[in-house]
Amino acid sequence: MSKVLKAGCFFLRPKEHTIAIVYREQQQDYSFPKGHLEEGESLLECAIRETEEETKRKCILLEEKPIYLENYITPGGEDVEMHYFLAKDGGESDNSSLDTHPTIWVPYEEVMDLLSYDGLKTVWKNVETKVKDYFE
């Protein structure tokens, strides 16, 4: 079985000390903005595209390399390699994607309480200190 590559962002508003969490209505869950790598796309390009599509916000990268790599198997059996980047909100975008989800700007201290999956909570535990360093 080949790896399924995905990428997304821990998407911040540094002045407000908030993180974007998307509510995926079809799955009825709360997650970080992320998605599948498209053909010819780099992981970095995927992370920015997916974040901008899902949130309808401009994504300004804070680091060129992923700050976390997660490997997991989905309930459907996909072997996923998930690359998380760090970015900040650059304001409203004119992205016309239909793959948009309601976005909730969650105070840093409340992110853990909102995430739907134990795997995502583990991811957050591993990066929350590094994310906090970017708050003003």
C-alpha atoms as a PDB file:
ATOM      1  CA  MET A   1       0.000   0.000   0.000  1.00  0.00           C
ATOM      2  CA  SER A   2       1.394   3.407  -0.926  1.00  0.00           C
ATOM      3  CA  LYS A   3       1.461   6.382   1.380  1.00  0.00           C
ATOM      4  CA  VAL A   4      -1.226   9.017   0.997  1.00  0.00           C
ATOM      5  CA  LEU A   5       0.391  12.429   1.356  1.00  0.00           C
ATOM      6  CA  LYS A   6      -1.508  15.251   3.035  1.00  0.00           C
ATOM      7  CA  ALA A   7      -0.588  18.684   4.342  1.00  0.00           C
ATOM      8  CA  GLY A   8      -2.156  21.459   6.354  1.00  0.00           C
ATOM      9  CA  CYS A   9      -1.460  24.305   8.733  1.00  0.00           C
ATOM     10  CA  PHE A  10      -1.609  25.348  12.299  1.00  0.00           C
ATOM     11  CA  PHE A  11      -3.213  28.644  11.252  1.00  0.00           C
ATOM     12  CA  LEU A  12      -2.736  31.491  13.739  1.00  0.00           C
ATOM     13  CA  ARG A  13      -3.818  34.968  14.569  1.00  0.00           C
ATOM     14  CA  PRO A  14      -0.727  35.971  16.590  1.00  0.00           C
ATOM     15  CA  LYS A  15      -2.152  39.161  18.138  1.00  0.00           C
ATOM     16  CA  GLU A  16      -5.360  37.446  19.308  1.00  0.00           C
ATOM     17  CA  HIS A  17      -3.614  34.235  20.474  1.00  0.00           C
ATOM     18  CA  THR A  18      -6.089  32.146  18.474  1.00  0.00           C
ATOM     19  CA  ILE A  19      -5.846  29.091  16.211  1.00  0.00           C
ATOM     20  CA  ALA A  20      -8.176  28.249  13.311  1.00  0.00           C
ATOM     21  CA  ILE A  21     -10.184  25.068  13.758  1.00  0.00           C
ATOM     22  CA  VAL A  22     -12.473  23.970  10.933  1.00  0.00           C
ATOM     23  CA  TYR A  23     -15.763  22.197  11.468  1.00  0.00           C
ATOM     24  CA  ARG A  24     -16.211  19.547   8.784  1.00  0.00           C
ATOM     25  CA  GLU A  25     -19.975  19.159   8.569  1.00  0.00           C
ATOM     26  CA  GLN A  26     -19.937  15.900   6.603  1.00  0.00           C
ATOM     27  CA  GLN A  27     -17.742  14.208   9.224  1.00  0.00           C
ATOM     28  CA  GLN A  28     -19.200  16.246  12.084  1.00  0.00           C
ATOM     29  CA  ASP A  29     -15.734  16.873  13.488  1.00  0.00           C
ATOM     30  CA  TYR A  30     -13.314  19.638  14.429  1.00  0.00           C
ATOM     31  CA  SER A  31      -9.855  19.619  12.897  1.00  0.00           C
ATOM     32  CA  PHE A  32      -6.982  21.737  11.633  1.00  0.00           C
ATOM     33  CA  PRO A  33      -7.270  22.823   7.981  1.00  0.00           C
ATOM     34  CA  LYS A  34      -5.612  20.153   5.829  1.00  0.00           C
ATOM     35  CA  GLY A  35      -6.080  17.906   2.832  1.00  0.00           C
ATOM     36  CA  HIS A  36      -4.698  15.682   0.077  1.00  0.00           C
ATOM     37  CA  LEU A  37      -1.672  16.502  -2.045  1.00  0.00           C
ATOM     38  CA  GLU A  38      -2.588  17.109  -5.699  1.00  0.00           C
ATOM     39  CA  GLU A  39      -0.464  15.943  -8.631  1.00  0.00           C
ATOM     40  CA  GLY A  40       2.496  18.234  -9.316  1.00  0.00           C
ATOM     41  CA  GLU A  41       2.081  20.070  -6.024  1.00  0.00           C
ATOM     42  CA  SER A  42       4.658  20.340  -3.230  1.00  0.00           C
ATOM     43  CA  LEU A  43       3.654  19.642   0.368  1.00  0.00           C
ATOM     44  CA  LEU A  44       4.110  23.330   1.139  1.00  0.00           C
ATOM     45  CA  GLU A  45       1.827  24.339  -1.754  1.00  0.00           C
ATOM     46  CA  CYS A  46      -0.735  21.773  -0.596  1.00  0.00           C
ATOM     47  CA  ALA A  47      -0.733  23.117   2.974  1.00  0.00           C
ATOM     48  CA  ILE A  48      -1.300  26.686   1.784  1.00  0.00           C
ATOM     49  CA  ARG A  49      -3.950  25.723  -0.798  1.00  0.00           C
ATOM     50  CA  GLU A  50      -5.907  23.522   1.604  1.00  0.00           C
ATOM     51  CA  THR A  51      -5.816  26.121   4.375  1.00  0.00           C
ATOM     52  CA  GLU A  52      -6.950  28.883   2.035  1.00  0.00           C
ATOM     53  CA  GLU A  53      -9.686  26.729   0.499  1.00  0.00           C
ATOM     54  CA  GLU A  54     -11.083  25.517   3.803  1.00  0.00           C
ATOM     55  CA  THR A  55     -10.974  28.868   5.637  1.00  0.00           C
ATOM     56  CA  LYS A  56     -11.398  31.414   2.790  1.00  0.00           C
ATOM     57  CA  ARG A  57      -8.451  33.284   4.352  1.00  0.00           C
ATOM     58  CA  LYS A  58      -5.018  34.206   2.967  1.00  0.00           C
ATOM     59  CA  CYS A  59      -2.296  31.981   4.386  1.00  0.00           C
ATOM     60  CA  ILE A  60       1.087  33.533   5.239  1.00  0.00           C
ATOM     61  CA  LEU A  61       3.705  30.903   5.947  1.00  0.00           C
ATOM     62  CA  LEU A  62       5.787  31.338   9.115  1.00  0.00           C
ATOM     63  CA  GLU A  63       8.224  28.480   8.478  1.00  0.00           C
ATOM     64  CA  GLU A  64       9.309  26.844   5.211  1.00  0.00           C
ATOM     65  CA  LYS A  65       9.461  23.326   6.646  1.00  0.00           C
ATOM     66  CA  PRO A  66       6.776  21.305   8.409  1.00  0.00           C
ATOM     67  CA  ILE A  67       6.813  21.629  12.182  1.00  0.00           C
ATOM     68  CA  TYR A  68       5.203  18.218  12.658  1.00  0.00           C
ATOM     69  CA  LEU A  69       4.884  14.953  10.747  1.00  0.00           C
ATOM     70  CA  GLU A  70       2.103  12.532  11.648  1.00  0.00           C
ATOM     71  CA  ASN A  71       1.606   9.000  10.331  1.00  0.00           C
ATOM     72  CA  TYR A  72      -1.719   7.233  10.752  1.00  0.00           C
ATOM     73  CA  ILE A  73      -4.123   4.755   9.170  1.00  0.00           C
ATOM     74  CA  THR A  74      -7.611   6.058   8.400  1.00  0.00           C
ATOM     75  CA  PRO A  75     -10.736   4.008   9.210  1.00  0.00           C
ATOM     76  CA  GLY A  76     -10.901   3.341   5.445  1.00  0.00           C
ATOM     77  CA  GLY A  77      -7.387   1.854   5.485  1.00  0.00           C
ATOM     78  CA  GLU A  78      -5.388   4.743   3.968  1.00  0.00           C
ATOM     79  CA  ASP A  79      -1.760   4.908   5.148  1.00  0.00           C
ATOM     80  CA  VAL A  80      -1.393   8.677   5.636  1.00  0.00           C
ATOM     81  CA  GLU A  81       1.718  10.820   5.987  1.00  0.00           C
ATOM     82  CA  MET A  82       0.448  14.205   7.228  1.00  0.00           C
ATOM     83  CA  HIS A  83       2.734  17.269   7.116  1.00  0.00           C
ATOM     84  CA  TYR A  84       1.766  20.254   9.294  1.00  0.00           C
ATOM     85  CA  PHE A  85       3.121  23.726   8.575  1.00  0.00           C
ATOM     86  CA  LEU A  86       2.856  26.921  10.600  1.00  0.00           C
ATOM     87  CA  ALA A  87       1.095  29.940   9.086  1.00  0.00           C
ATOM     88  CA  LYS A  88      -0.727  33.094  10.084  1.00  0.00           C
ATOM     89  CA  ASP A  89      -3.935  34.696   8.881  1.00  0.00           C
ATOM     90  CA  GLY A  90      -3.389  37.198   6.086  1.00  0.00           C
ATOM     91  CA  GLY A  91      -6.984  38.385   5.876  1.00  0.00           C
ATOM     92  CA  GLU A  92     -10.005  37.505   3.800  1.00  0.00           C
ATOM     93  CA  SER A  93      -9.259  35.873   0.449  1.00  0.00           C
ATOM     94  CA  ASP A  94     -11.119  35.720  -2.829  1.00  0.00           C
ATOM     95  CA  ASN A  95     -10.674  31.945  -2.993  1.00  0.00           C
ATOM     96  CA  SER A  96     -13.619  30.487  -4.906  1.00  0.00           C
ATOM     97  CA  SER A  97     -13.262  26.894  -3.715  1.00  0.00           C
ATOM     98  CA  LEU A  98     -16.416  25.068  -2.701  1.00  0.00           C
ATOM     99  CA  ASP A  99     -14.396  22.978  -0.211  1.00  0.00           C
ATOM    100  CA  THR A 100     -14.955  25.491   2.587  1.00  0.00           C
ATOM    101  CA  HIS A 101     -15.740  24.714   6.201  1.00  0.00           C
ATOM    102  CA  PRO A 102     -16.949  26.911   9.034  1.00  0.00           C
ATOM    103  CA  THR A 103     -13.829  28.258  10.721  1.00  0.00           C
ATOM    104  CA  ILE A 104     -13.686  28.904  14.443  1.00  0.00           C
ATOM    105  CA  TRP A 105     -10.891  31.045  15.896  1.00  0.00           C
ATOM    106  CA  VAL A 106     -10.178  29.269  19.154  1.00  0.00           C
ATOM    107  CA  PRO A 107      -8.166  30.729  22.045  1.00  0.00           C
ATOM    108  CA  TYR A 108      -4.840  28.904  22.322  1.00  0.00           C
ATOM    109  CA  GLU A 109      -5.748  27.453  25.725  1.00  0.00           C
ATOM    110  CA  GLU A 110      -8.995  25.894  24.390  1.00  0.00           C
ATOM    111  CA  VAL A 111      -7.711  24.111  21.255  1.00  0.00           C
ATOM    112  CA  MET A 112      -7.331  20.743  23.018  1.00  0.00           C
ATOM    113  CA  ASP A 113     -10.948  20.826  24.227  1.00  0.00           C
ATOM    114  CA  LEU A 114     -12.375  21.314  20.731  1.00  0.00           C
ATOM    115  CA  LEU A 115     -10.409  18.770  18.658  1.00  0.00           C
ATOM    116  CA  SER A 116     -12.474  15.696  17.797  1.00  0.00           C
ATOM    117  CA  TYR A 117      -9.832  12.953  17.712  1.00  0.00           C
ATOM    118  CA  ASP A 118      -7.242  11.641  20.149  1.00  0.00           C
ATOM    119  CA  GLY A 119      -4.684  11.604  17.312  1.00  0.00           C
ATOM    120  CA  LEU A 120      -5.189  15.333  16.724  1.00  0.00           C
ATOM    121  CA  LYS A 121      -4.923  15.975  20.449  1.00  0.00           C
ATOM    122  CA  THR A 122      -1.571  14.162  20.467  1.00  0.00           C
ATOM    123  CA  VAL A 123      -0.422  16.259  17.500  1.00  0.00           C
ATOM    124  CA  TRP A 124      -1.437  19.444  19.342  1.00  0.00           C
ATOM    125  CA  LYS A 125       0.379  18.364  22.536  1.00  0.00           C
ATOM    126  CA  ASN A 126       3.559  17.975  20.473  1.00  0.00           C
ATOM    127  CA  VAL A 127       3.417  21.422  18.844  1.00  0.00           C
ATOM    128  CA  GLU A 128       1.536  23.728  21.206  1.00  0.00           C
ATOM    129  CA  THR A 129       4.683  25.152  22.833  1.00  0.00           C
ATOM    130  CA  LYS A 130       6.260  25.906  19.464  1.00  0.00           C
ATOM    131  CA  VAL A 131       3.018  27.509  18.247  1.00  0.00           C
ATOM    132  CA  LYS A 132       2.804  29.625  21.386  1.00  0.00           C
ATOM    133  CA  ASP A 133       6.233  31.131  20.561  1.00  0.00           C
ATOM    134  CA  TYR A 134       4.630  32.904  17.581  1.00  0.00           C
ATOM    135  CA  PHE A 135       2.091  34.836  19.616  1.00  0.00           C
ATOM    136  CA  GLU A 136       2.787  38.529  20.116  1.00  0.00           C
END
